[in-house]
Amino acid sequence: MYSLSVPISELDRFWSLEQIGIASDESHLTKEEYNAQTLQDKVTFYDKKNKTWYTELLFKERPPQLQSNKGKAMAILAKVEKSTIEKKQVQLINNAYQELLDNGFAEEVIEEQEPEEVHYLPGHPVFREESVSTKTRIVFNASCVSASGKSINQCLYQGPCLLPEIAHVIIRWRMMIIA
C-alpha cells in the first residue's frame, strides 16, 4: 500500500482543473453570486409585444437600508449648476436631461408628492467634444454614500462575472489549428 502526503485542498484543486469545460458554471459561483443569479431569474422577464427585457434592481434586502440624501444631492446639483453657468454649457446639459426624460429613463419629481423615504442618485455631466452621437451625457453616482453610511451600490448584488474564465479561453484556443 502506498500513501501520498498531498493535502486534500491540493487534490480538490487538481480535480477542479481536470473538470474544466465539463462541470457546470454554477459550481463555482460564490454564495452572493448564486443569490444574485436566483433573484435575477425571478425578476427578469421578456415582453414579446414590446420586444423588450425588463428587470428590477437586485437589492440584497427589501426595502434597502438607505436614508434620504436629498441635502447631499442638492449640494452636488448646485455645484454642477454653478460650473455649468460659468462654462456657458447650460443648453448642452438641458438637452442631455431632456433626452433622459424623453426616453423614459427619468421622471420629474413634483415636490408636494415626494415620499418620506427617498434616495436620489446624484449626477454630473460628462463632455466629449470628439463624440459624434453624444457630446454631453449625464453620469450618475450610485457609490455616493448616504447618512446611513451606505450607497446604492452597497445595497445591490454585484452578480456573477459574465466574462469567460481565462483557462476556458486558452483551452478553446489551443483546440484549433489556427488561433
Foldseek 3Di string as FASTA:
>chain_A
DDDDPDDPVVVVVVVVVVCVVPDDPVVPDDPLQVLQVVQQVVFWDADPVVRDIDGDFAFPDPPFPAAEAVVVLVVLVVVQVVVCVVVVNVVLVVVQVVVCVVVVVDDDDDVVPDDRGDYDFRWHWDADPPDDPRRIHIDTDQQDAHPVRGGNVRRGRPHDDPDDDPVNVVVVCVVDPHD
